[in-house]
C-alpha atoms as a PDB file:
ATOM      1  CA  UNK A   1     107.321  62.420  98.195  1.00  0.00           C
ATOM      2  CA  UNK A   2     110.727  60.795  98.465  1.00  0.00           C
ATOM      3  CA  UNK A   3     112.311  63.047  95.904  1.00  0.00           C
ATOM      4  CA  UNK A   4     113.766  66.370  96.835  1.00  0.00           C
ATOM      5  CA  UNK A   5     111.377  69.233  96.758  1.00  0.00           C
ATOM      6  CA  UNK A   6     113.010  70.832  93.629  1.00  0.00           C
ATOM      7  CA  UNK A   7     113.097  67.659  91.617  1.00  0.00           C
ATOM      8  CA  UNK A   8     109.537  66.752  92.678  1.00  0.00           C
ATOM      9  CA  UNK A   9     108.261  70.081  91.412  1.00  0.00           C
ATOM     10  CA  UNK A  10     110.124  69.817  88.118  1.00  0.00           C
ATOM     11  CA  UNK A  11     108.825  66.251  87.496  1.00  0.00           C
ATOM     12  CA  UNK A  12     105.231  66.957  88.504  1.00  0.00           C
ATOM     13  CA  UNK A  13     105.017  70.187  86.385  1.00  0.00           C
ATOM     14  CA  UNK A  14     106.410  68.224  83.371  1.00  0.00           C
ATOM     15  CA  UNK A  15     103.955  65.405  83.905  1.00  0.00           C
ATOM     16  CA  UNK A  16     101.016  67.845  84.193  1.00  0.00           C
ATOM     17  CA  UNK A  17     102.118  69.703  81.019  1.00  0.00           C
ATOM     18  CA  UNK A  18     102.093  66.354  79.254  1.00  0.00           C
ATOM     19  CA  UNK A  19      98.539  65.814  80.367  1.00  0.00           C
ATOM     20  CA  UNK A  20      97.396  69.158  79.085  1.00  0.00           C
ATOM     21  CA  UNK A  21      99.182  68.752  75.678  1.00  0.00           C
ATOM     22  CA  UNK A  22      97.520  65.382  75.237  1.00  0.00           C
ATOM     23  CA  UNK A  23      94.116  67.001  75.335  1.00  0.00           C
ATOM     24  CA  UNK A  24      95.028  70.476  73.973  1.00  0.00           C
ATOM     25  CA  UNK A  25      97.881  69.968  71.403  1.00  0.00           C
ATOM     26  CA  UNK A  26      97.504  73.499  70.048  1.00  0.00           C
ATOM     27  CA  UNK A  27      98.002  75.304  73.289  1.00  0.00           C
ATOM     28  CA  UNK A  28     101.677  76.066  72.572  1.00  0.00           C
ATOM     29  CA  UNK A  29     100.690  77.668  69.247  1.00  0.00           C
ATOM     30  CA  UNK A  30     102.932  75.473  67.157  1.00  0.00           C
ATOM     31  CA  UNK A  31     105.922  75.320  69.409  1.00  0.00           C
ATOM     32  CA  UNK A  32     107.593  71.991  70.038  1.00  0.00           C
ATOM     33  CA  UNK A  33     108.272  70.865  73.594  1.00  0.00           C
ATOM     34  CA  UNK A  34     111.046  68.574  74.672  1.00  0.00           C
ATOM     35  CA  UNK A  35     112.829  67.515  77.914  1.00  0.00           C
ATOM     36  CA  UNK A  36     116.544  68.025  77.989  1.00  0.00           C
ATOM     37  CA  UNK A  37     118.454  65.694  80.338  1.00  0.00           C
ATOM     38  CA  UNK A  38     122.014  64.541  80.957  1.00  0.00           C
ATOM     39  CA  UNK A  39     123.122  61.134  79.717  1.00  0.00           C
ATOM     40  CA  UNK A  40     124.132  60.147  83.191  1.00  0.00           C
ATOM     41  CA  UNK A  41     120.625  60.165  84.591  1.00  0.00           C
ATOM     42  CA  UNK A  42     120.191  56.980  86.601  1.00  0.00           C
ATOM     43  CA  UNK A  43     117.653  54.232  85.861  1.00  0.00           C
ATOM     44  CA  UNK A  44     114.952  55.624  88.257  1.00  0.00           C
ATOM     45  CA  UNK A  45     115.051  59.079  86.819  1.00  0.00           C
ATOM     46  CA  UNK A  46     114.958  57.623  83.210  1.00  0.00           C
ATOM     47  CA  UNK A  47     111.866  55.640  84.138  1.00  0.00           C
ATOM     48  CA  UNK A  48     110.277  58.818  85.486  1.00  0.00           C
ATOM     49  CA  UNK A  49     110.990  60.849  82.349  1.00  0.00           C
ATOM     50  CA  UNK A  50     109.866  58.147  79.962  1.00  0.00           C
ATOM     51  CA  UNK A  51     106.467  58.144  81.586  1.00  0.00           C
ATOM     52  CA  UNK A  52     105.716  61.800  80.844  1.00  0.00           C
ATOM     53  CA  UNK A  53     102.914  61.407  78.275  1.00  0.00           C
ATOM     54  CA  UNK A  54     104.993  61.147  75.196  1.00  0.00           C
ATOM     55  CA  UNK A  55     107.063  64.312  75.612  1.00  0.00           C
ATOM     56  CA  UNK A  56     110.264  63.533  73.802  1.00  0.00           C
ATOM     57  CA  UNK A  57     113.470  63.379  75.884  1.00  0.00           C
ATOM     58  CA  UNK A  58     116.804  64.480  74.394  1.00  0.00           C
ATOM     59  CA  UNK A  59     119.900  63.408  76.297  1.00  0.00           C
ATOM     60  CA  UNK A  60     123.317  64.798  75.782  1.00  0.00           C
ATOM     61  CA  UNK A  61     126.560  65.740  77.528  1.00  0.00           C
ATOM     62  CA  UNK A  62     128.302  63.692  80.127  1.00  0.00           C
ATOM     63  CA  UNK A  63     130.800  64.814  82.715  1.00  0.00           C
ATOM     64  CA  UNK A  64     132.446  63.104  85.621  1.00  0.00           C
ATOM     65  CA  UNK A  65     133.649  64.489  88.896  1.00  0.00           C
ATOM     66  CA  UNK A  66     132.258  66.433  91.811  1.00  0.00           C
ATOM     67  CA  UNK A  67     130.839  69.299  89.640  1.00  0.00           C
ATOM     68  CA  UNK A  68     129.583  67.286  86.738  1.00  0.00           C
ATOM     69  CA  UNK A  69     125.931  68.438  87.149  1.00  0.00           C
ATOM     70  CA  UNK A  70     126.919  72.075  87.319  1.00  0.00           C
ATOM     71  CA  UNK A  71     129.121  71.758  84.289  1.00  0.00           C
ATOM     72  CA  UNK A  72     126.344  70.013  82.316  1.00  0.00           C
ATOM     73  CA  UNK A  73     123.915  72.713  83.286  1.00  0.00           C
ATOM     74  CA  UNK A  74     126.169  75.554  82.338  1.00  0.00           C
ATOM     75  CA  UNK A  75     127.824  74.033  79.180  1.00  0.00           C
ATOM     76  CA  UNK A  76     125.790  71.185  77.623  1.00  0.00           C
ATOM     77  CA  UNK A  77     122.232  72.490  78.456  1.00  0.00           C
ATOM     78  CA  UNK A  78     122.475  75.826  76.688  1.00  0.00           C
ATOM     79  CA  UNK A  79     124.134  74.067  73.624  1.00  0.00           C
ATOM     80  CA  UNK A  80     121.288  71.575  73.555  1.00  0.00           C
ATOM     81  CA  UNK A  81     118.692  74.319  73.804  1.00  0.00           C
ATOM     82  CA  UNK A  82     120.214  76.260  70.947  1.00  0.00           C
ATOM     83  CA  UNK A  83     118.062  79.287  70.346  1.00  0.00           C
ATOM     84  CA  UNK A  84     114.967  77.711  71.690  1.00  0.00           C
ATOM     85  CA  UNK A  85     113.100  79.112  74.745  1.00  0.00           C
ATOM     86  CA  UNK A  86     114.695  77.217  77.648  1.00  0.00           C
ATOM     87  CA  UNK A  87     112.466  76.604  80.732  1.00  0.00           C
ATOM     88  CA  UNK A  88     114.564  75.975  83.779  1.00  0.00           C
ATOM     89  CA  UNK A  89     112.568  74.245  86.618  1.00  0.00           C
ATOM     90  CA  UNK A  90     115.290  73.392  89.110  1.00  0.00           C
ATOM     91  CA  UNK A  91     116.178  76.583  90.970  1.00  0.00           C
ATOM     92  CA  UNK A  92     119.056  77.339  88.614  1.00  0.00           C
ATOM     93  CA  UNK A  93     119.951  77.516  85.000  1.00  0.00           C
ATOM     94  CA  UNK A  94     122.715  78.393  82.523  1.00  0.00           C
ATOM     95  CA  UNK A  95     123.658  81.983  82.897  1.00  0.00           C
ATOM     96  CA  UNK A  96     124.738  82.479  79.335  1.00  0.00           C
ATOM     97  CA  UNK A  97     121.374  81.495  77.751  1.00  0.00           C
ATOM     98  CA  UNK A  98     119.201  84.590  77.856  1.00  0.00           C
ATOM     99  CA  UNK A  99     116.104  83.286  76.052  1.00  0.00           C
ATOM    100  CA  UNK A 100     114.809  81.449  79.048  1.00  0.00           C
ATOM    101  CA  UNK A 101     112.233  81.267  81.811  1.00  0.00           C
ATOM    102  CA  UNK A 102     113.631  80.247  85.210  1.00  0.00           C
ATOM    103  CA  UNK A 103     111.911  78.995  88.261  1.00  0.00           C
ATOM    104  CA  UNK A 104     113.663  80.073  91.471  1.00  0.00           C
ATOM    105  CA  UNK A 105     112.012  78.493  94.465  1.00  0.00           C
ATOM    106  CA  UNK A 106     113.303  80.742  97.262  1.00  0.00           C
ATOM    107  CA  UNK A 107     115.939  83.119  98.504  1.00  0.00           C
ATOM    108  CA  UNK A 108     117.250  80.815 101.315  1.00  0.00           C
ATOM    109  CA  UNK A 109     120.946  81.322 100.442  1.00  0.00           C
ATOM    110  CA  UNK A 110     120.360  84.973 101.572  1.00  0.00           C
ATOM    111  CA  UNK A 111     117.962  84.293 104.403  1.00  0.00           C
ATOM    112  CA  UNK A 112     119.759  81.310 106.078  1.00  0.00           C
ATOM    113  CA  UNK A 113     123.245  81.182 104.766  1.00  0.00           C
ATOM    114  CA  UNK A 114     124.264  79.014 107.670  1.00  0.00           C
ATOM    115  CA  UNK A 115     122.236  76.149 106.206  1.00  0.00           C
ATOM    116  CA  UNK A 116     124.521  75.791 103.252  1.00  0.00           C
ATOM    117  CA  UNK A 117     128.161  75.178 102.490  1.00  0.00           C
ATOM    118  CA  UNK A 118     130.452  78.035 101.558  1.00  0.00           C
ATOM    119  CA  UNK A 119     130.905  76.990  97.849  1.00  0.00           C
ATOM    120  CA  UNK A 120     127.140  76.535  97.441  1.00  0.00           C
ATOM    121  CA  UNK A 121     126.369  79.978  98.951  1.00  0.00           C
ATOM    122  CA  UNK A 122     129.044  81.677  96.791  1.00  0.00           C
ATOM    123  CA  UNK A 123     127.786  80.028  93.534  1.00  0.00           C
ATOM    124  CA  UNK A 124     124.121  80.741  94.193  1.00  0.00           C
ATOM    125  CA  UNK A 125     124.664  84.332  95.220  1.00  0.00           C
ATOM    126  CA  UNK A 126     126.724  84.864  92.099  1.00  0.00           C
ATOM    127  CA  UNK A 127     124.358  82.912  89.709  1.00  0.00           C
ATOM    128  CA  UNK A 128     120.914  83.926  90.899  1.00  0.00           C
ATOM    129  CA  UNK A 129     121.108  87.741  90.126  1.00  0.00           C
ATOM    130  CA  UNK A 130     122.566  86.955  86.698  1.00  0.00           C
ATOM    131  CA  UNK A 131     119.813  84.523  86.009  1.00  0.00           C
ATOM    132  CA  UNK A 132     117.275  87.146  87.202  1.00  0.00           C
ATOM    133  CA  UNK A 133     118.597  89.755  84.868  1.00  0.00           C
ATOM    134  CA  UNK A 134     119.052  87.532  81.743  1.00  0.00           C
ATOM    135  CA  UNK A 135     115.941  85.394  81.960  1.00  0.00           C
ATOM    136  CA  UNK A 136     112.881  86.654  80.036  1.00  0.00           C
ATOM    137  CA  UNK A 137     110.696  85.740  83.024  1.00  0.00           C
ATOM    138  CA  UNK A 138     111.282  84.521  86.560  1.00  0.00           C
ATOM    139  CA  UNK A 139     108.882  82.140  88.220  1.00  0.00           C
ATOM    140  CA  UNK A 140     108.608  81.475  91.891  1.00  0.00           C
ATOM    141  CA  UNK A 141     106.332  79.375  94.066  1.00  0.00           C
ATOM    142  CA  UNK A 142     104.917  81.832  96.558  1.00  0.00           C
ATOM    143  CA  UNK A 143     104.194  85.513  97.145  1.00  0.00           C
ATOM    144  CA  UNK A 144     106.641  85.243 100.034  1.00  0.00           C
ATOM    145  CA  UNK A 145     109.448  84.038  97.767  1.00  0.00           C
ATOM    146  CA  UNK A 146     108.692  86.819  95.320  1.00  0.00           C
ATOM    147  CA  UNK A 147     109.012  89.406  97.967  1.00  0.00           C
ATOM    148  CA  UNK A 148     112.348  87.930  99.157  1.00  0.00           C
ATOM    149  CA  UNK A 149     113.744  87.668  95.655  1.00  0.00           C
ATOM    150  CA  UNK A 150     112.941  91.278  94.985  1.00  0.00           C
ATOM    151  CA  UNK A 151     114.361  92.383  98.401  1.00  0.00           C
ATOM    152  CA  UNK A 152     117.696  90.662  97.645  1.00  0.00           C
ATOM    153  CA  UNK A 153     118.043  92.003  94.160  1.00  0.00           C
ATOM    154  CA  UNK A 154     117.507  88.785  92.242  1.00  0.00           C
ATOM    155  CA  UNK A 155     114.795  90.235  89.932  1.00  0.00           C
ATOM    156  CA  UNK A 156     112.342  93.090  89.785  1.00  0.00           C
ATOM    157  CA  UNK A 157     108.749  92.489  90.909  1.00  0.00           C
ATOM    158  CA  UNK A 158     107.254  93.100  87.386  1.00  0.00           C
ATOM    159  CA  UNK A 159     109.475  90.262  86.072  1.00  0.00           C
ATOM    160  CA  UNK A 160     108.324  87.615  88.599  1.00  0.00           C
ATOM    161  CA  UNK A 161     105.237  85.444  88.239  1.00  0.00           C
ATOM    162  CA  UNK A 162     104.027  83.372  91.160  1.00  0.00           C
ATOM    163  CA  UNK A 163     102.937  79.783  90.457  1.00  0.00           C
ATOM    164  CA  UNK A 164     101.974  77.821  93.481  1.00  0.00           C
ATOM    165  CA  UNK A 165     102.993  74.152  93.629  1.00  0.00           C
ATOM    166  CA  UNK A 166     100.443  71.372  93.526  1.00  0.00           C
ATOM    167  CA  UNK A 167     100.213  68.546  95.949  1.00  0.00           C
ATOM    168  CA  UNK A 168      97.711  66.134  94.458  1.00  0.00           C
ATOM    169  CA  UNK A 169     100.416  63.705  93.230  1.00  0.00           C
ATOM    170  CA  UNK A 170      99.980  62.037  96.600  1.00  0.00           C
ATOM    171  CA  UNK A 171      96.554  60.753  95.536  1.00  0.00           C
ATOM    172  CA  UNK A 172      98.231  58.654  92.828  1.00  0.00           C
ATOM    173  CA  UNK A 173      99.907  56.483  95.411  1.00  0.00           C
ATOM    174  CA  UNK A 174      98.713  53.372  97.085  1.00  0.00           C
ATOM    175  CA  UNK A 175      99.832  53.998 100.674  1.00  0.00           C
ATOM    176  CA  UNK A 176     101.826  51.174 102.384  1.00  0.00           C
ATOM    177  CA  UNK A 177      99.559  50.981 105.385  1.00  0.00           C
ATOM    178  CA  UNK A 178     101.682  48.318 107.072  1.00  0.00           C
ATOM    179  CA  UNK A 179     104.817  50.496 107.095  1.00  0.00           C
ATOM    180  CA  UNK A 180     104.017  52.267 110.431  1.00  0.00           C
ATOM    181  CA  UNK A 181     103.566  48.888 112.096  1.00  0.00           C
ATOM    182  CA  UNK A 182     106.921  47.734 110.788  1.00  0.00           C
ATOM    183  CA  UNK A 183     108.452  50.679 112.669  1.00  0.00           C
ATOM    184  CA  UNK A 184     106.614  49.675 115.758  1.00  0.00           C
ATOM    185  CA  UNK A 185     104.191  52.551 115.670  1.00  0.00           C
ATOM    186  CA  UNK A 186     100.529  52.797 116.593  1.00  0.00           C
ATOM    187  CA  UNK A 187      97.925  54.741 114.552  1.00  0.00           C
ATOM    188  CA  UNK A 188      97.616  58.256 115.989  1.00  0.00           C
ATOM    189  CA  UNK A 189     100.421  57.757 118.419  1.00  0.00           C
ATOM    190  CA  UNK A 190     103.120  59.530 116.504  1.00  0.00           C
ATOM    191  CA  UNK A 191     103.936  62.755 114.678  1.00  0.00           C
ATOM    192  CA  UNK A 192     105.946  62.878 111.445  1.00  0.00           C
ATOM    193  CA  UNK A 193     108.478  65.528 110.429  1.00  0.00           C
ATOM    194  CA  UNK A 194     111.357  65.830 107.984  1.00  0.00           C
ATOM    195  CA  UNK A 195     114.752  64.603 109.172  1.00  0.00           C
ATOM    196  CA  UNK A 196     116.905  67.531 108.179  1.00  0.00           C
ATOM    197  CA  UNK A 197     119.699  69.177 110.132  1.00  0.00           C
ATOM    198  CA  UNK A 198     119.686  72.495 108.284  1.00  0.00           C
ATOM    199  CA  UNK A 199     119.410  75.383 110.699  1.00  0.00           C
ATOM    200  CA  UNK A 200     116.280  76.910 109.076  1.00  0.00           C
ATOM    201  CA  UNK A 201     114.395  73.548 109.345  1.00  0.00           C
ATOM    202  CA  UNK A 202     114.388  74.071 113.136  1.00  0.00           C
ATOM    203  CA  UNK A 203     113.819  70.402 114.060  1.00  0.00           C
ATOM    204  CA  UNK A 204     115.400  71.168 117.392  1.00  0.00           C
ATOM    205  CA  UNK A 205     112.172  72.592 118.626  1.00  0.00           C
ATOM    206  CA  UNK A 206     110.415  69.328 118.044  1.00  0.00           C
ATOM    207  CA  UNK A 207     113.185  67.392 119.796  1.00  0.00           C
ATOM    208  CA  UNK A 208     112.717  69.692 122.817  1.00  0.00           C
ATOM    209  CA  UNK A 209     108.879  69.305 122.601  1.00  0.00           C
ATOM    210  CA  UNK A 210     109.193  65.511 122.744  1.00  0.00           C
ATOM    211  CA  UNK A 211     111.347  65.716 125.894  1.00  0.00           C
ATOM    212  CA  UNK A 212     108.304  67.221 127.709  1.00  0.00           C
ATOM    213  CA  UNK A 213     106.293  64.977 130.073  1.00  0.00           C
ATOM    214  CA  UNK A 214     103.030  65.375 128.125  1.00  0.00           C
ATOM    215  CA  UNK A 215     104.563  63.782 125.071  1.00  0.00           C
ATOM    216  CA  UNK A 216     106.381  60.801 126.735  1.00  0.00           C
ATOM    217  CA  UNK A 217     103.752  58.407 125.314  1.00  0.00           C
ATOM    218  CA  UNK A 218     104.027  59.859 121.829  1.00  0.00           C
ATOM    219  CA  UNK A 219     106.679  59.227 119.172  1.00  0.00           C
ATOM    220  CA  UNK A 220     108.347  61.703 116.822  1.00  0.00           C
ATOM    221  CA  UNK A 221     109.082  59.967 113.542  1.00  0.00           C
ATOM    222  CA  UNK A 222     111.718  61.758 111.396  1.00  0.00           C
ATOM    223  CA  UNK A 223     111.903  60.716 107.700  1.00  0.00           C
ATOM    224  CA  UNK A 224     114.786  61.486 105.317  1.00  0.00           C
ATOM    225  CA  UNK A 225     118.514  61.116 104.928  1.00  0.00           C
ATOM    226  CA  UNK A 226     119.677  62.525 108.266  1.00  0.00           C
ATOM    227  CA  UNK A 227     119.843  60.178 111.145  1.00  0.00           C
ATOM    228  CA  UNK A 228     120.342  60.322 114.920  1.00  0.00           C
ATOM    229  CA  UNK A 229     124.123  60.755 114.724  1.00  0.00           C
ATOM    230  CA  UNK A 230     123.790  63.672 112.300  1.00  0.00           C
ATOM    231  CA  UNK A 231     121.604  65.503 114.748  1.00  0.00           C
ATOM    232  CA  UNK A 232     123.816  64.648 117.758  1.00  0.00           C
ATOM    233  CA  UNK A 233     126.944  65.830 115.714  1.00  0.00           C
ATOM    234  CA  UNK A 234     125.133  69.207 115.589  1.00  0.00           C
ATOM    235  CA  UNK A 235     125.086  69.313 119.329  1.00  0.00           C
ATOM    236  CA  UNK A 236     121.303  68.395 119.540  1.00  0.00           C
ATOM    237  CA  UNK A 237     120.005  66.039 122.173  1.00  0.00           C
ATOM    238  CA  UNK A 238     117.716  63.365 120.643  1.00  0.00           C
ATOM    239  CA  UNK A 239     115.204  61.909 123.176  1.00  0.00           C
ATOM    240  CA  UNK A 240     114.393  58.141 123.276  1.00  0.00           C
ATOM    241  CA  UNK A 241     110.890  58.627 121.812  1.00  0.00           C
ATOM    242  CA  UNK A 242     112.309  59.707 118.426  1.00  0.00           C
ATOM    243  CA  UNK A 243     112.336  57.203 115.554  1.00  0.00           C
ATOM    244  CA  UNK A 244     114.460  57.694 112.462  1.00  0.00           C
ATOM    245  CA  UNK A 245     112.619  56.125 109.453  1.00  0.00           C
ATOM    246  CA  UNK A 246     115.444  56.937 106.966  1.00  0.00           C
ATOM    247  CA  UNK A 247     114.782  57.346 103.342  1.00  0.00           C
ATOM    248  CA  UNK A 248     111.280  56.146 102.542  1.00  0.00           C
ATOM    249  CA  UNK A 249     109.420  55.341  99.341  1.00  0.00           C
ATOM    250  CA  UNK A 250     106.371  57.364  98.315  1.00  0.00           C
ATOM    251  CA  UNK A 251     103.973  54.613  99.395  1.00  0.00           C
ATOM    252  CA  UNK A 252     105.746  54.195 102.740  1.00  0.00           C
ATOM    253  CA  UNK A 253     105.551  57.904 103.429  1.00  0.00           C
ATOM    254  CA  UNK A 254     101.894  58.077 102.465  1.00  0.00           C
ATOM    255  CA  UNK A 255     101.130  55.225 104.822  1.00  0.00           C
ATOM    256  CA  UNK A 256     103.193  56.888 107.558  1.00  0.00           C
ATOM    257  CA  UNK A 257     101.336  60.182 107.130  1.00  0.00           C
ATOM    258  CA  UNK A 258      97.861  58.623 106.999  1.00  0.00           C
ATOM    259  CA  UNK A 259      98.424  56.947 110.370  1.00  0.00           C
ATOM    260  CA  UNK A 260      99.928  59.922 112.013  1.00  0.00           C
ATOM    261  CA  UNK A 261      98.487  62.275 114.600  1.00  0.00           C
ATOM    262  CA  UNK A 262      99.978  65.259 112.838  1.00  0.00           C
ATOM    263  CA  UNK A 263     102.750  66.467 110.407  1.00  0.00           C
ATOM    264  CA  UNK A 264     104.930  69.068 112.052  1.00  0.00           C
ATOM    265  CA  UNK A 265     106.840  71.689 110.082  1.00  0.00           C
ATOM    266  CA  UNK A 266     108.676  74.145 112.394  1.00  0.00           C
ATOM    267  CA  UNK A 267     110.840  75.824 109.714  1.00  0.00           C
ATOM    268  CA  UNK A 268     111.945  79.318 110.286  1.00  0.00           C
ATOM    269  CA  UNK A 269     111.559  80.050 106.545  1.00  0.00           C
ATOM    270  CA  UNK A 270     110.157  78.105 103.594  1.00  0.00           C
ATOM    271  CA  UNK A 271     109.804  79.208  99.994  1.00  0.00           C
ATOM    272  CA  UNK A 272     106.595  77.067  99.797  1.00  0.00           C
ATOM    273  CA  UNK A 273     106.252  74.227 102.210  1.00  0.00           C
ATOM    274  CA  UNK A 274     105.177  71.142 100.201  1.00  0.00           C
ATOM    275  CA  UNK A 275     105.369  68.413 102.963  1.00  0.00           C
ATOM    276  CA  UNK A 276     102.649  69.853 105.284  1.00  0.00           C
ATOM    277  CA  UNK A 277     100.431  70.525 102.278  1.00  0.00           C
ATOM    278  CA  UNK A 278     100.863  67.020 101.044  1.00  0.00           C
ATOM    279  CA  UNK A 279      99.983  65.696 104.506  1.00  0.00           C
ATOM    280  CA  UNK A 280      96.863  67.911 104.619  1.00  0.00           C
ATOM    281  CA  UNK A 281      95.781  66.516 101.226  1.00  0.00           C
ATOM    282  CA  UNK A 282      96.069  62.989 102.741  1.00  0.00           C
ATOM    283  CA  UNK A 283      93.901  63.929 105.687  1.00  0.00           C
ATOM    284  CA  UNK A 284      96.623  64.497 108.272  1.00  0.00           C
ATOM    285  CA  UNK A 285      96.595  67.670 110.416  1.00  0.00           C
ATOM    286  CA  UNK A 286      99.538  69.959 110.010  1.00  0.00           C
ATOM    287  CA  UNK A 287     101.212  72.046 112.676  1.00  0.00           C
ATOM    288  CA  UNK A 288     103.414  74.813 111.253  1.00  0.00           C
ATOM    289  CA  UNK A 289     105.505  77.720 112.318  1.00  0.00           C
ATOM    290  CA  UNK A 290     104.017  81.014 111.040  1.00  0.00           C
ATOM    291  CA  UNK A 291     107.124  81.683 109.056  1.00  0.00           C
ATOM    292  CA  UNK A 292     108.042  82.097 105.331  1.00  0.00           C
ATOM    293  CA  UNK A 293     105.366  80.893 102.941  1.00  0.00           C
ATOM    294  CA  UNK A 294     103.883  78.378 105.374  1.00  0.00           C
ATOM    295  CA  UNK A 295     100.946  80.641 106.431  1.00  0.00           C
ATOM    296  CA  UNK A 296     100.310  81.640 102.810  1.00  0.00           C
ATOM    297  CA  UNK A 297     100.061  77.954 101.774  1.00  0.00           C
ATOM    298  CA  UNK A 298      98.520  76.286 104.708  1.00  0.00           C
ATOM    299  CA  UNK A 299      96.305  79.167 105.921  1.00  0.00           C
ATOM    300  CA  UNK A 300      93.967  78.619 108.893  1.00  0.00           C
ATOM    301  CA  UNK A 301      93.647  74.967 107.983  1.00  0.00           C
ATOM    302  CA  UNK A 302      96.842  74.293 109.961  1.00  0.00           C
ATOM    303  CA  UNK A 303      97.651  74.878 113.599  1.00  0.00           C
ATOM    304  CA  UNK A 304     100.372  77.525 114.234  1.00  0.00           C
ATOM    305  CA  UNK A 305     102.995  77.320 116.844  1.00  0.00           C
ATOM    306  CA  UNK A 306     105.856  79.625 117.889  1.00  0.00           C
ATOM    307  CA  UNK A 307     109.019  78.126 116.341  1.00  0.00           C
ATOM    308  CA  UNK A 308     110.945  78.750 119.568  1.00  0.00           C
ATOM    309  CA  UNK A 309     108.315  77.478 122.009  1.00  0.00           C
ATOM    310  CA  UNK A 310     108.384  73.632 122.528  1.00  0.00           C
ATOM    311  CA  UNK A 311     105.432  73.899 124.865  1.00  0.00           C
ATOM    312  CA  UNK A 312     103.204  75.241 122.147  1.00  0.00           C
ATOM    313  CA  UNK A 313     104.078  72.353 119.892  1.00  0.00           C
ATOM    314  CA  UNK A 314     103.485  69.876 122.652  1.00  0.00           C
ATOM    315  CA  UNK A 315     100.093  71.358 123.500  1.00  0.00           C
ATOM    316  CA  UNK A 316      98.873  71.252 119.871  1.00  0.00           C
ATOM    317  CA  UNK A 317     100.065  67.587 119.508  1.00  0.00           C
ATOM    318  CA  UNK A 318      98.376  66.654 122.790  1.00  0.00           C
ATOM    319  CA  UNK A 319      95.106  68.283 121.828  1.00  0.00           C
ATOM    320  CA  UNK A 320      95.099  66.557 118.394  1.00  0.00           C
ATOM    321  CA  UNK A 321      95.769  63.260 120.181  1.00  0.00           C
ATOM    322  CA  UNK A 322      93.154  63.639 122.942  1.00  0.00           C
ATOM    323  CA  UNK A 323      90.315  65.706 121.261  1.00  0.00           C
ATOM    324  CA  UNK A 324      89.081  63.521 118.423  1.00  0.00           C
ATOM    325  CA  UNK A 325      86.304  65.904 117.230  1.00  0.00           C
ATOM    326  CA  UNK A 326      88.873  68.692 116.963  1.00  0.00           C
ATOM    327  CA  UNK A 327      91.299  66.338 115.137  1.00  0.00           C
ATOM    328  CA  UNK A 328      88.604  65.458 112.630  1.00  0.00           C
ATOM    329  CA  UNK A 329      87.797  69.064 112.088  1.00  0.00           C
ATOM    330  CA  UNK A 330      91.418  69.877 111.367  1.00  0.00           C
ATOM    331  CA  UNK A 331      91.666  66.883 109.068  1.00  0.00           C
ATOM    332  CA  UNK A 332      88.692  68.087 107.073  1.00  0.00           C
ATOM    333  CA  UNK A 333      89.915  71.701 106.909  1.00  0.00           C
ATOM    334  CA  UNK A 334      93.272  70.552 105.682  1.00  0.00           C
ATOM    335  CA  UNK A 335      91.786  68.508 102.844  1.00  0.00           C
ATOM    336  CA  UNK A 336      89.750  71.418 101.668  1.00  0.00           C
ATOM    337  CA  UNK A 337      92.733  73.836 101.791  1.00  0.00           C
ATOM    338  CA  UNK A 338      95.103  71.458 100.040  1.00  0.00           C
ATOM    339  CA  UNK A 339      92.605  70.585  97.342  1.00  0.00           C
ATOM    340  CA  UNK A 340      93.113  74.064  95.829  1.00  0.00           C
ATOM    341  CA  UNK A 341      96.802  73.281  94.984  1.00  0.00           C
ATOM    342  CA  UNK A 342      96.930  71.054  91.840  1.00  0.00           C
ATOM    343  CA  UNK A 343      99.658  70.443  89.436  1.00  0.00           C
ATOM    344  CA  UNK A 344      97.134  70.959  86.554  1.00  0.00           C
ATOM    345  CA  UNK A 345      96.586  74.484  87.656  1.00  0.00           C
ATOM    346  CA  UNK A 346     100.285  75.087  88.133  1.00  0.00           C
ATOM    347  CA  UNK A 347     101.162  73.682  84.669  1.00  0.00           C
ATOM    348  CA  UNK A 348      98.464  75.764  82.988  1.00  0.00           C
ATOM    349  CA  UNK A 349      99.850  78.920  84.541  1.00  0.00           C
ATOM    350  CA  UNK A 350     103.330  77.956  83.427  1.00  0.00           C
ATOM    351  CA  UNK A 351     102.107  77.372  79.781  1.00  0.00           C
ATOM    352  CA  UNK A 352     100.469  80.804  79.865  1.00  0.00           C
ATOM    353  CA  UNK A 353     103.865  82.367  80.705  1.00  0.00           C
ATOM    354  CA  UNK A 354     105.572  80.314  77.989  1.00  0.00           C
ATOM    355  CA  UNK A 355     103.292  81.414  75.263  1.00  0.00           C
ATOM    356  CA  UNK A 356     103.569  85.044  76.437  1.00  0.00           C
ATOM    357  CA  UNK A 357     107.324  85.045  75.738  1.00  0.00           C
ATOM    358  CA  UNK A 358     108.149  85.669  72.058  1.00  0.00           C
END
């Protein structure tokens, strides 16, 4: 859970494909599968790729400078793929390689342009429609994202296949149950959320909720790269009962979630919404804004709160803290809902698309 959402999805899909191929080697009907990666991948990523059930990894191309990843993707990757069917899993892909399947997670650069820098916006708005036209198939992670990609002219509806993400990778982890204590937290006395200053993540509504009197004995724990100063630089007031956990390992985050009263996701739009689903799979209730794909993914197994109403977030948190039977019911409903989202199911749907492309 410490990786970015895009890289997490790519890694887990590849891992699950390896599991399927190990048991059903003929499922690709004679096609060879390989992972293409840049030479500059760091040690942690190398270790992750090498563990993917014997799928061969081919490395090539190396560039330096600010745009090295983009140059590798647009120049080295299509050369390495040659005429093979290239499956792009990272929200992008080389625009000159037409024999491809591309996974585009969302349409956020159109929906919330203020969340991204100018260069990023311009590149993605230029690249995505080209990728949509040239790719043999477009994949996305929710019906909501499909609707938005169609609405913004990225691809036609008949060209897009929805493949929901999985979340069951959290079950592979041994939670670091001591991590909350090291942060000075008490079980059930805190809520976890992503530390992200992007406008559409809407963390400000949680900051305002934790300023309310009914939550003064509760703690908001924000995990991720952004810290207190980053939020204050955006003009946001951060109350004293907010703890910034920083970047955390997967076991630390699992331990943090399992001891939490709730996971809060107040995003104004999400292409999928993996963190609340992961929390639900670990038995932690989720509170979401009814925006983007969050209702599609979490359903009635999560509590819904108006993304602009701090009092609603505070009321849900207080009820989960004080009403234990209700909290247990929400935990159970969350586990059932999240159990339907597996990487094995997602990988099998992806392979079905692959074999359908000549």
